[in-house]
Amino acid sequence: EVQLVESGGGLVQAGGSLRLSCRASGFTFDDYAIGWFRQAPGKEREGVSCISSSDRRPYYGDSVKGRFTISSDNAKNTVYLQMSSLKPEDTAVYYCASVVAVSACPTPAWAYIPAYDLWGQGTLVTVSS
């Protein structure tokens, strides 16, 4: 079965860190474009970051630049999102998503949600003040 499974969410105090994981199964991890998105209560889903196998250049949303880092481990079929200096406004359900059989983040808009055709179930991150 082709799927993405997120893990690593939880409750953390403002200023703290968390690392989210997105494990892919059922498809080759040689060519991939994996994005992280988040959705806070009452808000639209927004792009957080994207990484791909083609150039490994990471993309970041303006609100997380300098605080979040995306990385990948091909041997583990896993993409990570290291989140530091967390703020209460980072509270959201975080989803990873992939563009199946594509090796580059969507261009010109890497955060264009309809471009992603496989989604995980999400993991909740709560940042307390």
N, C-alpha and C. Protein backbone atom coordinates (compact mmCIF):
# COMPACT_ATOMS: atom_id res chain seq x y z
N GLU A 1 0.83 -1.19 0.00
CA GLU A 1 0.00 0.00 0.00
C GLU A 1 0.87 1.24 0.00
N VAL A 2 0.55 2.18 -0.87
CA VAL A 2 1.29 3.44 -0.96
C VAL A 2 0.78 4.36 0.14
N GLN A 3 1.66 4.80 1.00
CA GLN A 3 1.20 5.68 2.08
C GLN A 3 2.34 6.48 2.68
N LEU A 4 1.95 7.54 3.36
CA LEU A 4 2.85 8.38 4.15
C LEU A 4 2.34 8.37 5.58
N VAL A 5 3.25 8.22 6.51
CA VAL A 5 2.87 8.19 7.91
C VAL A 5 3.72 9.19 8.68
N GLU A 6 3.05 10.17 9.30
CA GLU A 6 3.75 11.17 10.10
C GLU A 6 3.82 10.72 11.56
N SER A 7 4.85 11.20 12.24
CA SER A 7 4.98 10.96 13.67
C SER A 7 5.82 12.08 14.27
N GLY A 8 5.81 12.15 15.59
CA GLY A 8 6.67 13.10 16.28
C GLY A 8 5.97 14.32 16.85
N GLY A 9 4.68 14.45 16.59
CA GLY A 9 3.97 15.58 17.15
C GLY A 9 3.81 15.46 18.66
N GLY A 10 3.38 16.55 19.27
CA GLY A 10 3.18 16.53 20.72
C GLY A 10 3.03 17.93 21.26
N LEU A 11 3.12 18.02 22.57
CA LEU A 11 3.00 19.29 23.28
C LEU A 11 4.38 19.78 23.67
N VAL A 12 4.66 21.03 23.37
CA VAL A 12 5.95 21.61 23.69
C VAL A 12 5.76 23.06 24.11
N GLN A 13 6.63 23.55 24.96
CA GLN A 13 6.55 24.94 25.38
C GLN A 13 7.14 25.86 24.32
N ALA A 14 6.69 27.08 24.31
CA ALA A 14 7.24 28.07 23.39
C ALA A 14 8.76 28.15 23.57
N GLY A 15 9.46 28.23 22.45
CA GLY A 15 10.92 28.24 22.47
C GLY A 15 11.54 26.86 22.35
N GLY A 16 10.73 25.84 22.46
CA GLY A 16 11.22 24.46 22.41
C GLY A 16 11.34 23.95 20.99
N SER A 17 11.68 22.65 20.89
CA SER A 17 11.91 22.02 19.60
C SER A 17 11.17 20.70 19.51
N LEU A 18 10.86 20.32 18.28
CA LEU A 18 10.30 19.01 17.98
C LEU A 18 10.83 18.58 16.62
N ARG A 19 10.91 17.27 16.41
CA ARG A 19 11.26 16.75 15.10
C ARG A 19 10.13 15.84 14.61
N LEU A 20 9.57 16.22 13.49
CA LEU A 20 8.54 15.40 12.87
C LEU A 20 9.18 14.47 11.83
N SER A 21 8.58 13.30 11.69
CA SER A 21 9.04 12.33 10.69
C SER A 21 7.90 12.00 9.74
N CYS A 22 8.26 11.76 8.51
CA CYS A 22 7.30 11.35 7.48
C CYS A 22 7.91 10.13 6.78
N ARG A 23 7.36 8.97 7.07
CA ARG A 23 7.89 7.74 6.49
C ARG A 23 7.04 7.32 5.32
N ALA A 24 7.69 7.06 4.20
CA ALA A 24 7.00 6.66 2.98
C ALA A 24 7.11 5.16 2.79
N SER A 25 6.05 4.56 2.31
CA SER A 25 6.08 3.13 2.01
C SER A 25 5.24 2.85 0.77
N GLY A 26 5.60 1.79 0.08
CA GLY A 26 4.84 1.38 -1.09
C GLY A 26 5.28 2.03 -2.39
N PHE A 27 6.28 2.90 -2.33
CA PHE A 27 6.80 3.48 -3.56
C PHE A 27 8.29 3.76 -3.38
N THR A 28 8.98 3.82 -4.52
CA THR A 28 10.41 4.02 -4.46
C THR A 28 10.75 5.39 -3.92
N PHE A 29 11.76 5.45 -3.12
CA PHE A 29 12.21 6.72 -2.58
C PHE A 29 13.38 7.27 -3.37
N ASP A 30 13.61 6.70 -4.54
CA ASP A 30 14.68 7.23 -5.38
C ASP A 30 14.28 8.57 -6.00
N ASP A 31 13.03 8.68 -6.36
CA ASP A 31 12.50 9.93 -6.92
C ASP A 31 11.34 10.38 -6.05
N TYR A 32 11.48 11.54 -5.45
CA TYR A 32 10.42 12.01 -4.57
C TYR A 32 10.41 13.52 -4.47
N ALA A 33 9.28 14.02 -4.16
CA ALA A 33 9.10 15.41 -3.74
C ALA A 33 8.14 15.35 -2.56
N ILE A 34 8.64 15.70 -1.41
CA ILE A 34 7.85 15.61 -0.17
C ILE A 34 7.69 17.00 0.42
N GLY A 35 6.47 17.35 0.70
CA GLY A 35 6.19 18.63 1.32
C GLY A 35 5.60 18.46 2.71
N TRP A 36 5.82 19.44 3.55
CA TRP A 36 5.16 19.54 4.85
C TRP A 36 4.17 20.70 4.78
N PHE A 37 2.99 20.45 5.28
CA PHE A 37 1.94 21.46 5.35
C PHE A 37 1.39 21.48 6.78
N ARG A 38 0.68 22.52 7.12
CA ARG A 38 0.04 22.57 8.43
C ARG A 38 -1.30 23.28 8.32
N GLN A 39 -2.16 22.91 9.24
CA GLN A 39 -3.47 23.53 9.29
C GLN A 39 -3.85 23.78 10.74
N ALA A 40 -3.97 25.06 11.07
CA ALA A 40 -4.40 25.45 12.40
C ALA A 40 -5.93 25.52 12.44
N PRO A 41 -6.52 25.41 13.62
CA PRO A 41 -7.98 25.48 13.73
C PRO A 41 -8.53 26.75 13.11
N GLY A 42 -9.51 26.60 12.23
CA GLY A 42 -10.15 27.75 11.62
C GLY A 42 -9.35 28.43 10.53
N LYS A 43 -8.22 27.85 10.16
CA LYS A 43 -7.38 28.46 9.13
C LYS A 43 -7.19 27.52 7.96
N GLU A 44 -6.75 28.07 6.84
CA GLU A 44 -6.48 27.26 5.67
C GLU A 44 -5.15 26.51 5.83
N ARG A 45 -5.07 25.39 5.13
CA ARG A 45 -3.81 24.65 5.12
C ARG A 45 -2.75 25.48 4.39
N GLU A 46 -1.54 25.50 4.96
CA GLU A 46 -0.47 26.28 4.37
C GLU A 46 0.79 25.46 4.22
N GLY A 47 1.60 25.81 3.23
CA GLY A 47 2.85 25.12 3.01
C GLY A 47 3.90 25.52 4.03
N VAL A 48 4.62 24.54 4.51
CA VAL A 48 5.69 24.77 5.48
C VAL A 48 7.05 24.59 4.83
N SER A 49 7.21 23.48 4.09
CA SER A 49 8.51 23.20 3.49
C SER A 49 8.38 22.11 2.44
N CYS A 50 9.38 22.01 1.58
CA CYS A 50 9.41 20.95 0.57
C CYS A 50 10.85 20.60 0.26
N ILE A 51 11.08 19.31 0.01
CA ILE A 51 12.39 18.83 -0.40
C ILE A 51 12.19 17.77 -1.46
N SER A 52 13.16 17.64 -2.36
CA SER A 52 13.02 16.66 -3.42
C SER A 52 14.34 15.93 -3.65
N SER A 53 14.26 14.84 -4.37
CA SER A 53 15.45 14.05 -4.64
C SER A 53 16.30 14.66 -5.76
N SER A 54 15.70 15.51 -6.59
CA SER A 54 16.42 15.98 -7.78
C SER A 54 17.53 16.95 -7.44
N ASP A 55 17.23 17.95 -6.59
CA ASP A 55 18.28 18.93 -6.30
C ASP A 55 18.49 19.14 -4.81
N ARG A 56 17.67 18.51 -4.00
CA ARG A 56 17.77 18.58 -2.54
C ARG A 56 17.65 20.01 -2.03
N ARG A 57 17.28 20.97 -2.91
CA ARG A 57 17.10 22.34 -2.45
C ARG A 57 15.83 22.41 -1.63
N PRO A 58 15.91 22.89 -0.39
CA PRO A 58 14.70 23.00 0.42
C PRO A 58 13.97 24.31 0.19
N TYR A 59 12.66 24.24 0.29
CA TYR A 59 11.83 25.43 0.24
C TYR A 59 11.17 25.60 1.61
N TYR A 60 10.97 26.85 2.01
CA TYR A 60 10.35 27.12 3.29
C TYR A 60 9.34 28.24 3.18
N GLY A 61 8.27 28.12 3.97
CA GLY A 61 7.35 29.22 4.10
C GLY A 61 7.99 30.36 4.87
N ASP A 62 7.55 31.58 4.61
CA ASP A 62 8.16 32.74 5.24
C ASP A 62 8.06 32.68 6.76
N SER A 63 6.98 32.12 7.27
CA SER A 63 6.77 32.12 8.72
C SER A 63 7.69 31.15 9.47
N VAL A 64 8.36 30.26 8.75
CA VAL A 64 9.20 29.26 9.43
C VAL A 64 10.67 29.36 9.02
N LYS A 65 10.99 30.22 8.09
CA LYS A 65 12.38 30.35 7.65
C LYS A 65 13.29 30.69 8.81
N GLY A 66 14.40 30.00 8.88
CA GLY A 66 15.36 30.23 9.95
C GLY A 66 15.06 29.46 11.22
N ARG A 67 13.88 28.85 11.31
CA ARG A 67 13.51 28.09 12.51
C ARG A 67 13.31 26.61 12.22
N PHE A 68 12.83 26.29 11.04
CA PHE A 68 12.55 24.90 10.66
C PHE A 68 13.58 24.45 9.63
N THR A 69 13.91 23.15 9.68
CA THR A 69 14.84 22.56 8.72
C THR A 69 14.28 21.24 8.23
N ILE A 70 14.21 21.09 6.92
CA ILE A 70 13.74 19.84 6.32
C ILE A 70 14.95 19.04 5.86
N SER A 71 14.86 17.72 6.01
CA SER A 71 15.95 16.85 5.57
C SER A 71 15.37 15.50 5.21
N SER A 72 16.19 14.67 4.60
CA SER A 72 15.70 13.36 4.19
C SER A 72 16.76 12.30 4.44
N ASP A 73 16.30 11.09 4.66
CA ASP A 73 17.16 9.93 4.82
C ASP A 73 16.63 8.87 3.86
N ASN A 74 17.27 8.75 2.71
CA ASN A 74 16.77 7.82 1.69
C ASN A 74 16.80 6.38 2.18
N ALA A 75 17.78 6.03 2.98
CA ALA A 75 17.89 4.66 3.47
C ALA A 75 16.70 4.28 4.34
N LYS A 76 16.09 5.28 4.97
CA LYS A 76 14.95 5.03 5.84
C LYS A 76 13.63 5.45 5.21
N ASN A 77 13.67 5.88 3.95
CA ASN A 77 12.45 6.33 3.27
C ASN A 77 11.71 7.38 4.11
N THR A 78 12.47 8.28 4.69
CA THR A 78 11.89 9.21 5.66
C THR A 78 12.35 10.64 5.40
N VAL A 79 11.42 11.55 5.54
CA VAL A 79 11.71 12.99 5.51
C VAL A 79 11.42 13.54 6.89
N TYR A 80 12.29 14.41 7.35
CA TYR A 80 12.17 14.99 8.68
C TYR A 80 11.89 16.49 8.60
N LEU A 81 11.23 16.98 9.63
CA LEU A 81 11.07 18.42 9.79
C LEU A 81 11.51 18.77 11.21
N GLN A 82 12.69 19.36 11.31
CA GLN A 82 13.20 19.80 12.60
C GLN A 82 12.65 21.19 12.87
N MET A 83 11.92 21.33 13.96
CA MET A 83 11.29 22.60 14.30
C MET A 83 11.91 23.14 15.58
N SER A 84 12.43 24.36 15.50
CA SER A 84 13.07 24.98 16.65
C SER A 84 12.44 26.35 16.90
N SER A 85 12.72 26.90 18.07
CA SER A 85 12.18 28.20 18.45
C SER A 85 10.68 28.26 18.19
N LEU A 86 10.01 27.23 18.63
CA LEU A 86 8.58 27.13 18.35
C LEU A 86 7.78 28.23 19.04
N LYS A 87 6.73 28.65 18.37
CA LYS A 87 5.86 29.71 18.85
C LYS A 87 4.43 29.16 18.98
N PRO A 88 3.62 29.77 19.82
CA PRO A 88 2.23 29.30 19.91
C PRO A 88 1.52 29.30 18.56
N GLU A 89 1.87 30.21 17.68
CA GLU A 89 1.23 30.26 16.37
C GLU A 89 1.66 29.12 15.45
N ASP A 90 2.61 28.31 15.88
CA ASP A 90 2.98 27.10 15.12
C ASP A 90 2.05 25.94 15.44
N THR A 91 1.17 26.13 16.40
CA THR A 91 0.23 25.08 16.75
C THR A 91 -0.66 24.74 15.55
N ALA A 92 -0.69 23.46 15.19
CA ALA A 92 -1.45 23.03 14.02
C ALA A 92 -1.32 21.52 13.88
N VAL A 93 -2.13 20.97 12.99
CA VAL A 93 -1.91 19.60 12.53
C VAL A 93 -0.96 19.69 11.35
N TYR A 94 0.11 18.94 11.44
CA TYR A 94 1.13 18.94 10.40
C TYR A 94 0.97 17.70 9.52
N TYR A 95 0.97 17.93 8.23
CA TYR A 95 0.81 16.85 7.25
C TYR A 95 2.03 16.80 6.34
N CYS A 96 2.42 15.60 5.96
CA CYS A 96 3.36 15.50 4.86
C CYS A 96 2.60 15.01 3.63
N ALA A 97 3.11 15.37 2.49
CA ALA A 97 2.45 15.03 1.24
C ALA A 97 3.50 14.86 0.16
N SER A 98 3.16 14.06 -0.82
CA SER A 98 4.12 13.84 -1.90
C SER A 98 3.47 14.03 -3.26
N VAL A 99 4.31 14.34 -4.21
CA VAL A 99 3.92 14.33 -5.60
C VAL A 99 4.48 13.03 -6.16
N VAL A 100 3.61 12.07 -6.37
CA VAL A 100 4.04 10.72 -6.70
C VAL A 100 4.74 10.70 -8.05
N ALA A 101 5.85 9.97 -8.09
CA ALA A 101 6.62 9.76 -9.32
C ALA A 101 7.21 11.04 -9.90
N VAL A 102 7.42 12.02 -9.05
CA VAL A 102 8.03 13.28 -9.48
C VAL A 102 9.21 13.55 -8.56
N SER A 103 10.30 14.03 -9.12
CA SER A 103 11.50 14.19 -8.31
C SER A 103 11.85 15.64 -8.00
N ALA A 104 10.90 16.55 -8.18
CA ALA A 104 11.16 17.96 -7.87
C ALA A 104 9.93 18.57 -7.21
N CYS A 105 10.16 19.47 -6.29
CA CYS A 105 9.05 20.19 -5.69
C CYS A 105 8.32 20.96 -6.78
N PRO A 106 6.99 21.04 -6.68
CA PRO A 106 6.23 21.72 -7.72
C PRO A 106 6.74 23.13 -7.95
N THR A 107 6.83 23.49 -9.19
CA THR A 107 7.24 24.85 -9.54
C THR A 107 6.21 25.48 -10.47
N PRO A 108 6.03 26.79 -10.41
CA PRO A 108 6.77 27.72 -9.56
C PRO A 108 6.29 27.78 -8.13
N ALA A 109 5.18 27.14 -7.82
CA ALA A 109 4.59 27.26 -6.48
C ALA A 109 4.72 25.94 -5.75
N TRP A 110 5.77 25.79 -4.96
CA TRP A 110 6.00 24.51 -4.27
C TRP A 110 4.90 24.22 -3.27
N ALA A 111 4.20 25.24 -2.78
CA ALA A 111 3.17 25.05 -1.77
C ALA A 111 1.77 24.93 -2.36
N TYR A 112 1.69 24.71 -3.68
CA TYR A 112 0.39 24.59 -4.35
C TYR A 112 -0.22 23.23 -3.99
N ILE A 113 -1.18 23.26 -3.10
CA ILE A 113 -1.71 22.04 -2.51
C ILE A 113 -2.24 21.04 -3.53
N PRO A 114 -2.99 21.46 -4.55
CA PRO A 114 -3.52 20.47 -5.52
C PRO A 114 -2.43 19.69 -6.26
N ALA A 115 -1.20 20.16 -6.22
CA ALA A 115 -0.13 19.44 -6.92
C ALA A 115 0.27 18.17 -6.17
N TYR A 116 -0.06 18.08 -4.91
CA TYR A 116 0.32 16.94 -4.08
C TYR A 116 -0.81 15.92 -4.09
N ASP A 117 -0.48 14.67 -4.42
CA ASP A 117 -1.54 13.68 -4.60
C ASP A 117 -1.53 12.55 -3.60
N LEU A 118 -0.62 12.57 -2.65
CA LEU A 118 -0.63 11.56 -1.60
C LEU A 118 -0.38 12.26 -0.28
N TRP A 119 -1.27 12.06 0.70
CA TRP A 119 -1.20 12.77 1.97
C TRP A 119 -1.17 11.78 3.13
N GLY A 120 -0.44 12.17 4.18
CA GLY A 120 -0.48 11.41 5.41
C GLY A 120 -1.69 11.81 6.24
N GLN A 121 -1.82 11.18 7.39
CA GLN A 121 -3.00 11.41 8.24
C GLN A 121 -2.83 12.63 9.15
N GLY A 122 -1.61 13.13 9.29
CA GLY A 122 -1.36 14.31 10.10
C GLY A 122 -0.91 13.97 11.51
N THR A 123 -0.16 14.89 12.10
CA THR A 123 0.26 14.77 13.48
C THR A 123 0.12 16.14 14.14
N LEU A 124 -0.42 16.15 15.35
CA LEU A 124 -0.75 17.40 16.02
C LEU A 124 0.46 17.93 16.78
N VAL A 125 0.75 19.21 16.56
CA VAL A 125 1.77 19.92 17.30
C VAL A 125 1.08 21.05 18.07
N THR A 126 1.29 21.05 19.38
CA THR A 126 0.71 22.08 20.22
C THR A 126 1.84 22.80 20.95
N VAL A 127 1.91 24.11 20.77
CA VAL A 127 2.94 24.92 21.42
C VAL A 127 2.27 25.80 22.46
N SER A 128 2.63 25.60 23.72
CA SER A 128 2.03 26.37 24.80
C SER A 128 2.87 27.62 25.08
N SER A 129 2.17 28.66 25.51
CA SER A 129 2.87 29.93 25.79
C SER A 129 3.35 29.99 27.21
